[in-house]
PDB file of N, CA and C in Angstrom:
ATOM      1  N   MET A   1       0.297  -2.438 -14.866  1.00  0.00           N
ATOM      2  CA  MET A   1       0.717  -1.920 -14.155  1.00  0.00           C
ATOM      3  C   MET A   1       1.643  -2.064 -12.859  1.00  0.00           C
ATOM      4  N   ASN A   2       2.788  -2.384 -12.293  1.00  0.00           N
ATOM      5  CA  ASN A   2       3.623  -3.551 -11.524  1.00  0.00           C
ATOM      6  C   ASN A   2       3.542  -3.215 -10.040  1.00  0.00           C
ATOM      7  N   TYR A   3       3.186  -3.831  -9.386  1.00  0.00           N
ATOM      8  CA  TYR A   3       3.252  -3.738  -8.087  1.00  0.00           C
ATOM      9  C   TYR A   3       3.764  -4.724  -7.135  1.00  0.00           C
ATOM     10  N   LEU A   4       4.953  -4.258  -6.367  1.00  0.00           N
ATOM     11  CA  LEU A   4       5.318  -4.371  -4.814  1.00  0.00           C
ATOM     12  C   LEU A   4       4.929  -4.704  -4.130  1.00  0.00           C
ATOM     13  N   THR A   5       4.468  -5.868  -3.265  1.00  0.00           N
ATOM     14  CA  THR A   5       3.736  -6.160  -1.642  1.00  0.00           C
ATOM     15  C   THR A   5       5.034  -6.623  -1.009  1.00  0.00           C
ATOM     16  N   LEU A   6       5.034  -5.680   0.059  1.00  0.00           N
ATOM     17  CA  LEU A   6       5.746  -6.996   1.556  1.00  0.00           C
ATOM     18  C   LEU A   6       4.875  -6.972   2.401  1.00  0.00           C
ATOM     19  N   ASP A   7       5.347  -8.567   3.211  1.00  0.00           N
ATOM     20  CA  ASP A   7       5.058  -8.468   4.478  1.00  0.00           C
ATOM     21  C   ASP A   7       5.609  -8.917   5.709  1.00  0.00           C
ATOM     22  N   ALA A   8       5.617  -7.909   6.461  1.00  0.00           N
ATOM     23  CA  ALA A   8       6.658  -8.319   7.504  1.00  0.00           C
ATOM     24  C   ALA A   8       6.067  -8.464   8.588  1.00  0.00           C
ATOM     25  N   SER A   9       4.622  -8.265   8.516  1.00  0.00           N
ATOM     26  CA  SER A   9       4.165  -8.428  10.062  1.00  0.00           C
ATOM     27  C   SER A   9       4.151  -9.609  11.370  1.00  0.00           C
ATOM     28  N   SER A  10       4.417 -10.960  10.566  1.00  0.00           N
ATOM     29  CA  SER A  10       4.418 -12.303  11.381  1.00  0.00           C
ATOM     30  C   SER A  10       6.098 -12.849  11.618  1.00  0.00           C
ATOM     31  N   SER A  11       5.728 -14.022  11.520  1.00  0.00           N
ATOM     32  CA  SER A  11       6.831 -14.326  11.543  1.00  0.00           C
ATOM     33  C   SER A  11       7.489 -14.616  10.202  1.00  0.00           C
ATOM     34  N   THR A  12       6.916 -15.471   9.272  1.00  0.00           N
ATOM     35  CA  THR A  12       7.098 -15.231   7.772  1.00  0.00           C
ATOM     36  C   THR A  12       6.760 -13.785   6.847  1.00  0.00           C
ATOM     37  N   ALA A  13       8.276 -13.567   6.576  1.00  0.00           N
ATOM     38  CA  ALA A  13       8.514 -12.205   5.716  1.00  0.00           C
ATOM     39  C   ALA A  13       7.712 -12.932   4.411  1.00  0.00           C
ATOM     40  N   SER A  14       7.185 -12.012   3.410  1.00  0.00           N
ATOM     41  CA  SER A  14       6.955 -12.666   2.003  1.00  0.00           C
ATOM     42  C   SER A  14       6.900 -10.952   1.276  1.00  0.00           C
ATOM     43  N   VAL A  15       7.131 -11.074  -0.096  1.00  0.00           N
ATOM     44  CA  VAL A  15       7.897 -10.571  -1.453  1.00  0.00           C
ATOM     45  C   VAL A  15       7.135 -11.311  -2.317  1.00  0.00           C
ATOM     46  N   CYS A  16       5.946 -10.119  -2.993  1.00  0.00           N
ATOM     47  CA  CYS A  16       5.425 -10.643  -3.840  1.00  0.00           C
ATOM     48  C   CYS A  16       5.446  -9.315  -5.007  1.00  0.00           C
ATOM     49  N   VAL A  17       5.485  -9.884  -6.778  1.00  0.00           N
ATOM     50  CA  VAL A  17       5.510  -8.826  -7.688  1.00  0.00           C
ATOM     51  C   VAL A  17       4.051  -9.060  -7.966  1.00  0.00           C
ATOM     52  N   THR A  18       3.265  -8.440  -8.777  1.00  0.00           N
ATOM     53  CA  THR A  18       2.529  -8.376  -9.493  1.00  0.00           C
ATOM     54  C   THR A  18       2.434  -7.594 -10.769  1.00  0.00           C
ATOM     55  N   ARG A  19       1.924  -7.959 -11.731  1.00  0.00           N
ATOM     56  CA  ARG A  19       1.988  -6.869 -12.937  1.00  0.00           C
ATOM     57  C   ARG A  19       0.088  -6.748 -13.113  1.00  0.00           C
ATOM     58  N   ASP A  20      -0.509  -5.995 -13.103  1.00  0.00           N
ATOM     59  CA  ASP A  20      -1.926  -5.831 -12.992  1.00  0.00           C
ATOM     60  C   ASP A  20      -2.299  -7.154 -11.961  1.00  0.00           C
ATOM     61  N   ASP A  21      -2.955  -8.733 -12.132  1.00  0.00           N
ATOM     62  CA  ASP A  21      -3.418 -10.010 -11.852  1.00  0.00           C
ATOM     63  C   ASP A  21      -2.634 -10.555 -12.503  1.00  0.00           C
ATOM     64  N   GLU A  22      -1.459 -10.835 -13.045  1.00  0.00           N
ATOM     65  CA  GLU A  22      -0.893 -11.524 -12.578  1.00  0.00           C
ATOM     66  C   GLU A  22       0.783 -12.193 -12.020  1.00  0.00           C
ATOM     67  N   LEU A  23       0.445 -12.765 -11.337  1.00  0.00           N
ATOM     68  CA  LEU A  23       1.281 -13.146 -10.374  1.00  0.00           C
ATOM     69  C   LEU A  23       3.085 -12.986 -11.242  1.00  0.00           C
ATOM     70  N   LEU A  24       3.689 -12.583 -10.605  1.00  0.00           N
ATOM     71  CA  LEU A  24       5.205 -12.243 -11.048  1.00  0.00           C
ATOM     72  C   LEU A  24       6.011 -13.512 -10.465  1.00  0.00           C
ATOM     73  N   TYR A  25       6.004 -13.535  -9.235  1.00  0.00           N
ATOM     74  CA  TYR A  25       7.271 -13.460  -8.533  1.00  0.00           C
ATOM     75  C   TYR A  25       6.126 -13.987  -7.110  1.00  0.00           C
ATOM     76  N   GLU A  26       6.648 -14.529  -6.391  1.00  0.00           N
ATOM     77  CA  GLU A  26       6.396 -14.476  -4.646  1.00  0.00           C
ATOM     78  C   GLU A  26       7.362 -15.411  -4.251  1.00  0.00           C
ATOM     79  N   GLY A  27       7.810 -14.867  -2.652  1.00  0.00           N
ATOM     80  CA  GLY A  27       9.280 -15.440  -2.070  1.00  0.00           C
ATOM     81  C   GLY A  27       8.212 -15.281  -0.514  1.00  0.00           C
ATOM     82  N   TYR A  28       8.602 -16.249  -0.302  1.00  0.00           N
ATOM     83  CA  TYR A  28       8.200 -16.650   1.699  1.00  0.00           C
ATOM     84  C   TYR A  28       9.689 -16.912   2.622  1.00  0.00           C
ATOM     85  N   LEU A  29      10.058 -16.342   3.755  1.00  0.00           N
ATOM     86  CA  LEU A  29      11.206 -16.878   4.103  1.00  0.00           C
ATOM     87  C   LEU A  29      10.582 -16.917   5.797  1.00  0.00           C
ATOM     88  N   ASN A  30      10.634 -18.078   6.409  1.00  0.00           N
ATOM     89  CA  ASN A  30      10.148 -18.617   7.840  1.00  0.00           C
ATOM     90  C   ASN A  30      11.039 -18.565   8.593  1.00  0.00           C
ATOM     91  N   ASN A  31      12.049 -17.581   9.089  1.00  0.00           N
ATOM     92  CA  ASN A  31      12.722 -17.089   9.667  1.00  0.00           C
ATOM     93  C   ASN A  31      12.998 -16.753  11.249  1.00  0.00           C
ATOM     94  N   GLY A  32      11.699 -16.330  11.613  1.00  0.00           N
ATOM     95  CA  GLY A  32      11.475 -15.402  12.911  1.00  0.00           C
ATOM     96  C   GLY A  32      11.277 -14.185  12.441  1.00  0.00           C
ATOM     97  N   MET A  33      11.414 -13.298  13.501  1.00  0.00           N
ATOM     98  CA  MET A  33      11.548 -12.521  13.400  1.00  0.00           C
ATOM     99  C   MET A  33      12.727 -11.713  13.234  1.00  0.00           C
ATOM    100  N   THR A  34      13.588 -11.496  11.915  1.00  0.00           N
ATOM    101  CA  THR A  34      14.893 -10.864  11.741  1.00  0.00           C
ATOM    102  C   THR A  34      14.238 -10.232  10.402  1.00  0.00           C
ATOM    103  N   HIS A  35      13.176  -9.755  10.191  1.00  0.00           N
ATOM    104  CA  HIS A  35      13.047  -9.014   8.357  1.00  0.00           C
ATOM    105  C   HIS A  35      13.463  -8.087   8.522  1.00  0.00           C
ATOM    106  N   SER A  36      14.290  -7.503   9.097  1.00  0.00           N
ATOM    107  CA  SER A  36      15.061  -6.310   9.388  1.00  0.00           C
ATOM    108  C   SER A  36      16.364  -6.848   8.282  1.00  0.00           C
ATOM    109  N   SER A  37      16.639  -7.369   8.505  1.00  0.00           N
ATOM    110  CA  SER A  37      18.336  -8.344   7.912  1.00  0.00           C
ATOM    111  C   SER A  37      17.621  -8.687   6.513  1.00  0.00           C
ATOM    112  N   PHE A  38      16.598  -9.186   6.212  1.00  0.00           N
ATOM    113  CA  PHE A  38      16.208 -10.141   5.177  1.00  0.00           C
ATOM    114  C   PHE A  38      15.493  -9.476   4.187  1.00  0.00           C
ATOM    115  N   LEU A  39      14.698  -8.891   4.641  1.00  0.00           N
ATOM    116  CA  LEU A  39      13.461  -8.232   3.398  1.00  0.00           C
ATOM    117  C   LEU A  39      14.142  -7.495   2.643  1.00  0.00           C
ATOM    118  N   MET A  40      14.950  -6.794   2.622  1.00  0.00           N
ATOM    119  CA  MET A  40      15.837  -5.863   1.130  1.00  0.00           C
ATOM    120  C   MET A  40      16.243  -6.810   0.364  1.00  0.00           C
ATOM    121  N   PRO A  41      17.090  -7.672   0.936  1.00  0.00           N
ATOM    122  CA  PRO A  41      17.588  -8.722  -0.106  1.00  0.00           C
ATOM    123  C   PRO A  41      16.516  -9.741  -0.834  1.00  0.00           C
ATOM    124  N   MET A  42      15.332 -10.028   0.252  1.00  0.00           N
ATOM    125  CA  MET A  42      14.392 -10.783  -0.770  1.00  0.00           C
ATOM    126  C   MET A  42      13.763  -9.331  -1.977  1.00  0.00           C
ATOM    127  N   VAL A  43      13.542  -8.351  -1.474  1.00  0.00           N
ATOM    128  CA  VAL A  43      13.229  -7.275  -2.646  1.00  0.00           C
ATOM    129  C   VAL A  43      14.382  -7.555  -4.074  1.00  0.00           C
ATOM    130  N   GLU A  44      15.419  -7.684  -3.792  1.00  0.00           N
ATOM    131  CA  GLU A  44      16.740  -7.559  -4.597  1.00  0.00           C
ATOM    132  C   GLU A  44      16.095  -8.845  -5.678  1.00  0.00           C
ATOM    133  N   ASP A  45      16.067 -10.511  -4.816  1.00  0.00           N
ATOM    134  CA  ASP A  45      15.986 -11.360  -4.999  1.00  0.00           C
ATOM    135  C   ASP A  45      14.294 -11.442  -6.639  1.00  0.00           C
ATOM    136  N   ALA A  46      13.515 -10.716  -5.923  1.00  0.00           N
ATOM    137  CA  ALA A  46      12.509 -10.040  -6.554  1.00  0.00           C
ATOM    138  C   ALA A  46      12.669  -9.649  -7.711  1.00  0.00           C
ATOM    139  N   MET A  47      13.297  -8.528  -7.451  1.00  0.00           N
ATOM    140  CA  MET A  47      13.504  -7.381  -8.975  1.00  0.00           C
ATOM    141  C   MET A  47      14.360  -8.353  -9.839  1.00  0.00           C
ATOM    142  N   ARG A  48      15.520  -9.529  -9.646  1.00  0.00           N
ATOM    143  CA  ARG A  48      16.270  -9.526 -10.193  1.00  0.00           C
ATOM    144  C   ARG A  48      15.483 -11.112 -10.702  1.00  0.00           C
ATOM    145  N   TYR A  49      14.510 -12.083 -10.034  1.00  0.00           N
ATOM    146  CA  TYR A  49      13.905 -12.823 -11.116  1.00  0.00           C
ATOM    147  C   TYR A  49      12.795 -12.570 -12.069  1.00  0.00           C
ATOM    148  N   THR A  50      12.016 -10.899 -11.718  1.00  0.00           N
ATOM    149  CA  THR A  50      11.528 -11.120 -12.345  1.00  0.00           C
ATOM    150  C   THR A  50      11.740 -10.113 -13.813  1.00  0.00           C
ATOM    151  N   GLY A  51      13.431  -9.703 -14.016  1.00  0.00           N
ATOM    152  CA  GLY A  51      13.841  -9.009 -14.661  1.00  0.00           C
ATOM    153  C   GLY A  51      13.197  -7.308 -14.569  1.00  0.00           C
ATOM    154  N   LEU A  52      12.861  -6.714 -13.897  1.00  0.00           N
ATOM    155  CA  LEU A  52      12.319  -5.727 -13.422  1.00  0.00           C
ATOM    156  C   LEU A  52      13.337  -4.483 -12.557  1.00  0.00           C
ATOM    157  N   ASP A  53      13.571  -3.145 -12.716  1.00  0.00           N
ATOM    158  CA  ASP A  53      14.295  -2.709 -11.616  1.00  0.00           C
ATOM    159  C   ASP A  53      12.724  -2.111 -10.877  1.00  0.00           C
ATOM    160  N   ILE A  54      13.638  -1.785  -9.897  1.00  0.00           N
ATOM    161  CA  ILE A  54      12.619  -1.214  -8.893  1.00  0.00           C
ATOM    162  C   ILE A  54      12.032   0.358  -9.534  1.00  0.00           C
ATOM    163  N   ASP A  55      12.735   0.855 -10.267  1.00  0.00           N
ATOM    164  CA  ASP A  55      12.137   2.247 -11.302  1.00  0.00           C
ATOM    165  C   ASP A  55      10.719   2.051 -11.489  1.00  0.00           C
ATOM    166  N   GLN A  56      10.400   0.616 -11.962  1.00  0.00           N
ATOM    167  CA  GLN A  56       9.550   0.043 -13.194  1.00  0.00           C
ATOM    168  C   GLN A  56       7.898  -0.982 -12.196  1.00  0.00           C
ATOM    169  N   ILE A  57       8.596   0.021 -10.771  1.00  0.00           N
ATOM    170  CA  ILE A  57       7.406  -0.203 -10.016  1.00  0.00           C
ATOM    171  C   ILE A  57       6.670   0.571  -9.725  1.00  0.00           C
ATOM    172  N   ASP A  58       5.449   0.746 -10.022  1.00  0.00           N
ATOM    173  CA  ASP A  58       4.367   1.367 -10.012  1.00  0.00           C
ATOM    174  C   ASP A  58       3.503   2.026  -8.810  1.00  0.00           C
ATOM    175  N   VAL A  59       2.942   0.945  -8.252  1.00  0.00           N
ATOM    176  CA  VAL A  59       2.665   1.209  -7.011  1.00  0.00           C
ATOM    177  C   VAL A  59       3.594  -0.235  -5.944  1.00  0.00           C
ATOM    178  N   PHE A  60       3.515   0.355  -4.508  1.00  0.00           N
ATOM    179  CA  PHE A  60       4.406  -0.068  -3.790  1.00  0.00           C
ATOM    180  C   PHE A  60       2.846  -0.749  -2.785  1.00  0.00           C
ATOM    181  N   ALA A  61       3.131  -1.516  -2.004  1.00  0.00           N
ATOM    182  CA  ALA A  61       2.236  -1.677  -0.687  1.00  0.00           C
ATOM    183  C   ALA A  61       2.887  -2.699   0.429  1.00  0.00           C
ATOM    184  N   CYS A  62       2.293  -2.661   1.402  1.00  0.00           N
ATOM    185  CA  CYS A  62       3.159  -3.907   2.576  1.00  0.00           C
ATOM    186  C   CYS A  62       1.327  -3.848   3.603  1.00  0.00           C
ATOM    187  N   VAL A  63       1.598  -5.263   4.261  1.00  0.00           N
ATOM    188  CA  VAL A  63       0.845  -5.638   5.119  1.00  0.00           C
ATOM    189  C   VAL A  63       0.876  -4.345   6.438  1.00  0.00           C
ATOM    190  N   VAL A  64      -0.094  -3.955   6.561  1.00  0.00           N
ATOM    191  CA  VAL A  64      -0.172  -2.844   8.140  1.00  0.00           C
ATOM    192  C   VAL A  64      -0.944  -3.254   9.274  1.00  0.00           C
ATOM    193  N   GLY A  65      -0.864  -4.434   9.331  1.00  0.00           N
ATOM    194  CA  GLY A  65      -1.920  -5.219  10.513  1.00  0.00           C
ATOM    195  C   GLY A  65      -2.433  -5.926  10.119  1.00  0.00           C
ATOM    196  N   PRO A  66      -3.396  -6.758  10.886  1.00  0.00           N
ATOM    197  CA  PRO A  66      -3.094  -6.894  12.327  1.00  0.00           C
ATOM    198  C   PRO A  66      -1.843  -7.814  12.518  1.00  0.00           C
ATOM    199  N   GLY A  67      -0.812  -6.955  13.481  1.00  0.00           N
ATOM    200  CA  GLY A  67       0.701  -8.652  13.324  1.00  0.00           C
ATOM    201  C   GLY A  67       1.808  -7.655  14.564  1.00  0.00           C
ATOM    202  N   SER A  68       2.494  -7.940  13.672  1.00  0.00           N
ATOM    203  CA  SER A  68       3.976  -7.611  14.984  1.00  0.00           C
ATOM    204  C   SER A  68       3.956  -5.766  14.606  1.00  0.00           C
ATOM    205  N   PHE A  69       4.126  -5.035  15.633  1.00  0.00           N
ATOM    206  CA  PHE A  69       4.572  -3.885  15.517  1.00  0.00           C
ATOM    207  C   PHE A  69       5.275  -3.614  15.100  1.00  0.00           C
ATOM    208  N   THR A  70       6.648  -3.926  15.744  1.00  0.00           N
ATOM    209  CA  THR A  70       7.842  -3.914  14.799  1.00  0.00           C
ATOM    210  C   THR A  70       8.270  -4.295  13.433  1.00  0.00           C
ATOM    211  N   GLY A  71       7.338  -5.632  13.045  1.00  0.00           N
ATOM    212  CA  GLY A  71       7.615  -5.840  11.448  1.00  0.00           C
ATOM    213  C   GLY A  71       6.671  -5.104  10.961  1.00  0.00           C
ATOM    214  N   VAL A  72       5.174  -4.263  11.148  1.00  0.00           N
ATOM    215  CA  VAL A  72       5.097  -3.435  10.547  1.00  0.00           C
ATOM    216  C   VAL A  72       5.331  -2.564  10.555  1.00  0.00           C
ATOM    217  N   ARG A  73       6.521  -1.980  11.123  1.00  0.00           N
ATOM    218  CA  ARG A  73       7.150  -0.874  11.078  1.00  0.00           C
ATOM    219  C   ARG A  73       7.716  -0.536   9.915  1.00  0.00           C
ATOM    220  N   ILE A  74       8.753  -2.108   9.842  1.00  0.00           N
ATOM    221  CA  ILE A  74      10.047  -2.597   9.336  1.00  0.00           C
ATOM    222  C   ILE A  74       9.429  -2.584   7.722  1.00  0.00           C
ATOM    223  N   GLY A  75       8.006  -3.010   7.533  1.00  0.00           N
ATOM    224  CA  GLY A  75       7.265  -3.515   6.132  1.00  0.00           C
ATOM    225  C   GLY A  75       7.060  -1.901   5.882  1.00  0.00           C
ATOM    226  N   VAL A  76       6.554  -1.090   6.093  1.00  0.00           N
ATOM    227  CA  VAL A  76       6.150   0.230   6.281  1.00  0.00           C
ATOM    228  C   VAL A  76       7.282   1.215   5.656  1.00  0.00           C
ATOM    229  N   ALA A  77       8.293   1.356   6.672  1.00  0.00           N
ATOM    230  CA  ALA A  77       9.833   1.876   6.026  1.00  0.00           C
ATOM    231  C   ALA A  77      10.466   1.502   5.073  1.00  0.00           C
ATOM    232  N   THR A  78      10.295  -0.004   5.041  1.00  0.00           N
ATOM    233  CA  THR A  78      10.913  -0.450   3.490  1.00  0.00           C
ATOM    234  C   THR A  78      10.207   0.494   2.014  1.00  0.00           C
ATOM    235  N   VAL A  79       8.365  -0.203   2.054  1.00  0.00           N
ATOM    236  CA  VAL A  79       7.996   0.327   1.403  1.00  0.00           C
ATOM    237  C   VAL A  79       8.001   2.464   0.898  1.00  0.00           C
ATOM    238  N   MET A  80       7.767   2.932   2.060  1.00  0.00           N
ATOM    239  CA  MET A  80       8.178   4.069   1.742  1.00  0.00           C
ATOM    240  C   MET A  80       9.135   4.908   0.905  1.00  0.00           C
ATOM    241  N   GLY A  81      10.757   3.819   1.424  1.00  0.00           N
ATOM    242  CA  GLY A  81      12.327   4.359   0.789  1.00  0.00           C
ATOM    243  C   GLY A  81      12.336   3.778  -0.027  1.00  0.00           C
ATOM    244  N   LEU A  82      11.473   2.816  -0.356  1.00  0.00           N
ATOM    245  CA  LEU A  82      11.506   2.198  -1.617  1.00  0.00           C
ATOM    246  C   LEU A  82      10.755   3.004  -2.948  1.00  0.00           C
ATOM    247  N   ALA A  83       9.992   4.022  -2.234  1.00  0.00           N
ATOM    248  CA  ALA A  83       8.548   4.191  -3.010  1.00  0.00           C
ATOM    249  C   ALA A  83       8.508   5.377  -3.543  1.00  0.00           C
ATOM    250  N   GLY A  84       9.663   6.776  -2.913  1.00  0.00           N
ATOM    251  CA  GLY A  84       9.824   7.547  -3.273  1.00  0.00           C
ATOM    252  C   GLY A  84       8.599   8.581  -3.329  1.00  0.00           C
ATOM    253  N   GLU A  85       7.955   8.834  -4.598  1.00  0.00           N
ATOM    254  CA  GLU A  85       7.045   9.838  -4.211  1.00  0.00           C
ATOM    255  C   GLU A  85       5.847   9.091  -5.343  1.00  0.00           C
ATOM    256  N   LYS A  86       6.209   7.666  -5.401  1.00  0.00           N
ATOM    257  CA  LYS A  86       5.445   6.543  -6.085  1.00  0.00           C
ATOM    258  C   LYS A  86       3.944   6.732  -4.811  1.00  0.00           C
ATOM    259  N   PRO A  87       3.230   5.977  -5.691  1.00  0.00           N
ATOM    260  CA  PRO A  87       1.733   5.668  -4.555  1.00  0.00           C
ATOM    261  C   PRO A  87       1.953   4.516  -3.721  1.00  0.00           C
ATOM    262  N   CYS A  88       1.605   4.217  -2.170  1.00  0.00           N
ATOM    263  CA  CYS A  88       1.877   3.130  -1.484  1.00  0.00           C
ATOM    264  C   CYS A  88       0.596   3.299  -0.745  1.00  0.00           C
ATOM    265  N   ALA A  89      -0.259   1.563  -0.814  1.00  0.00           N
ATOM    266  CA  ALA A  89      -0.906   1.241  -0.878  1.00  0.00           C
ATOM    267  C   ALA A  89      -0.771   0.108   0.759  1.00  0.00           C
ATOM    268  N   PRO A  90      -2.102   0.750   1.799  1.00  0.00           N
ATOM    269  CA  PRO A  90      -1.955  -0.407   2.803  1.00  0.00           C
ATOM    270  C   PRO A  90      -2.967  -1.708   2.643  1.00  0.00           C
ATOM    271  N   VAL A  91      -2.307  -2.365   3.203  1.00  0.00           N
ATOM    272  CA  VAL A  91      -2.943  -3.703   3.190  1.00  0.00           C
ATOM    273  C   VAL A  91      -3.144  -5.010   4.649  1.00  0.00           C
ATOM    274  N   ASP A  92      -4.213  -4.491   4.720  1.00  0.00           N
ATOM    275  CA  ASP A  92      -5.215  -5.245   6.037  1.00  0.00           C
ATOM    276  C   ASP A  92      -5.221  -7.102   5.994  1.00  0.00           C
ATOM    277  N   ALA A  93      -4.178  -7.373   6.286  1.00  0.00           N
ATOM    278  CA  ALA A  93      -3.454  -9.130   5.948  1.00  0.00           C
ATOM    279  C   ALA A  93      -5.114  -9.881   6.702  1.00  0.00           C
ATOM    280  N   LEU A  94      -6.301 -10.048   7.473  1.00  0.00           N
ATOM    281  CA  LEU A  94      -7.175 -10.389   7.633  1.00  0.00           C
ATOM    282  C   LEU A  94      -8.614 -10.356   6.165  1.00  0.00           C
ATOM    283  N   GLU A  95      -8.269  -8.742   5.722  1.00  0.00           N
ATOM    284  CA  GLU A  95      -8.839  -8.469   4.570  1.00  0.00           C
ATOM    285  C   GLU A  95      -8.419  -9.801   3.368  1.00  0.00           C
ATOM    286  N   ALA A  96      -7.149  -9.255   3.722  1.00  0.00           N
ATOM    287  CA  ALA A  96      -6.454 -10.346   2.450  1.00  0.00           C
ATOM    288  C   ALA A  96      -6.762 -11.681   2.713  1.00  0.00           C
ATOM    289  N   LEU A  97      -6.859 -12.012   3.682  1.00  0.00           N
ATOM    290  CA  LEU A  97      -7.035 -13.745   4.010  1.00  0.00           C
ATOM    291  C   LEU A  97      -8.592 -13.840   3.378  1.00  0.00           C
ATOM    292  N   ALA A  98      -9.519 -12.813   3.506  1.00  0.00           N
ATOM    293  CA  ALA A  98     -11.131 -13.099   3.697  1.00  0.00           C
ATOM    294  C   ALA A  98     -10.945 -13.158   2.418  1.00  0.00           C
ATOM    295  N   ALA A  99     -10.095 -12.179   1.465  1.00  0.00           N
ATOM    296  CA  ALA A  99     -10.507 -12.376  -0.327  1.00  0.00           C
ATOM    297  C   ALA A  99     -10.697 -13.367  -0.742  1.00  0.00           C
ATOM    298  N   GLN A 100     -10.126 -13.870  -0.584  1.00  0.00           N
ATOM    299  CA  GLN A 100      -9.524 -15.478  -0.639  1.00  0.00           C
ATOM    300  C   GLN A 100     -10.624 -16.451  -0.847  1.00  0.00           C
ATOM    301  N   ALA A 101     -11.160 -15.795  -0.228  1.00  0.00           N
ATOM    302  CA  ALA A 101     -12.791 -17.108   0.033  1.00  0.00           C
ATOM    303  C   ALA A 101     -13.499 -16.241  -0.517  1.00  0.00           C
ATOM    304  N   VAL A 102     -13.888 -15.384  -1.673  1.00  0.00           N
ATOM    305  CA  VAL A 102     -14.764 -14.809  -2.613  1.00  0.00           C
ATOM    306  C   VAL A 102     -14.985 -15.845  -3.249  1.00  0.00           C
ATOM    307  N   GLY A 103     -16.555 -15.971  -3.439  1.00  0.00           N
ATOM    308  CA  GLY A 103     -16.760 -16.879  -4.421  1.00  0.00           C
ATOM    309  C   GLY A 103     -16.939 -18.912  -3.498  1.00  0.00           C
ATOM    310  N   PHE A 104     -16.948 -18.671  -2.522  1.00  0.00           N
ATOM    311  CA  PHE A 104     -17.192 -19.887  -1.703  1.00  0.00           C
ATOM    312  C   PHE A 104     -18.301 -19.459  -0.258  1.00  0.00           C
ATOM    313  N   ASP A 105     -19.278 -20.351  -0.890  1.00  0.00           N
ATOM    314  CA  ASP A 105     -20.126 -20.670   0.562  1.00  0.00           C
ATOM    315  C   ASP A 105     -19.630 -20.985   1.844  1.00  0.00           C
TER     316      ASP A 105
END
């Protein structure tokens, strides 16, 4: 399954494309809070780089907090607009950070 994940909840916007457990693409842009202007071009870059079409994405996800209220709204609206009838998954930023520590004492 192909996943597209967005994060617009902080000053750094990010886009990630994965296939099952394999990272296909990740991009970051640290330009302040102008995600409404740059998030869609970042998604287009991700699709171009991976050779996938947006129709080939099976699950869409975005960070839903904690973070900037406006950034979260931008991310959620973008994912919902791209997904149509496909599944959308919320990502908690703190849980995602904590998951990186699995296996460490």
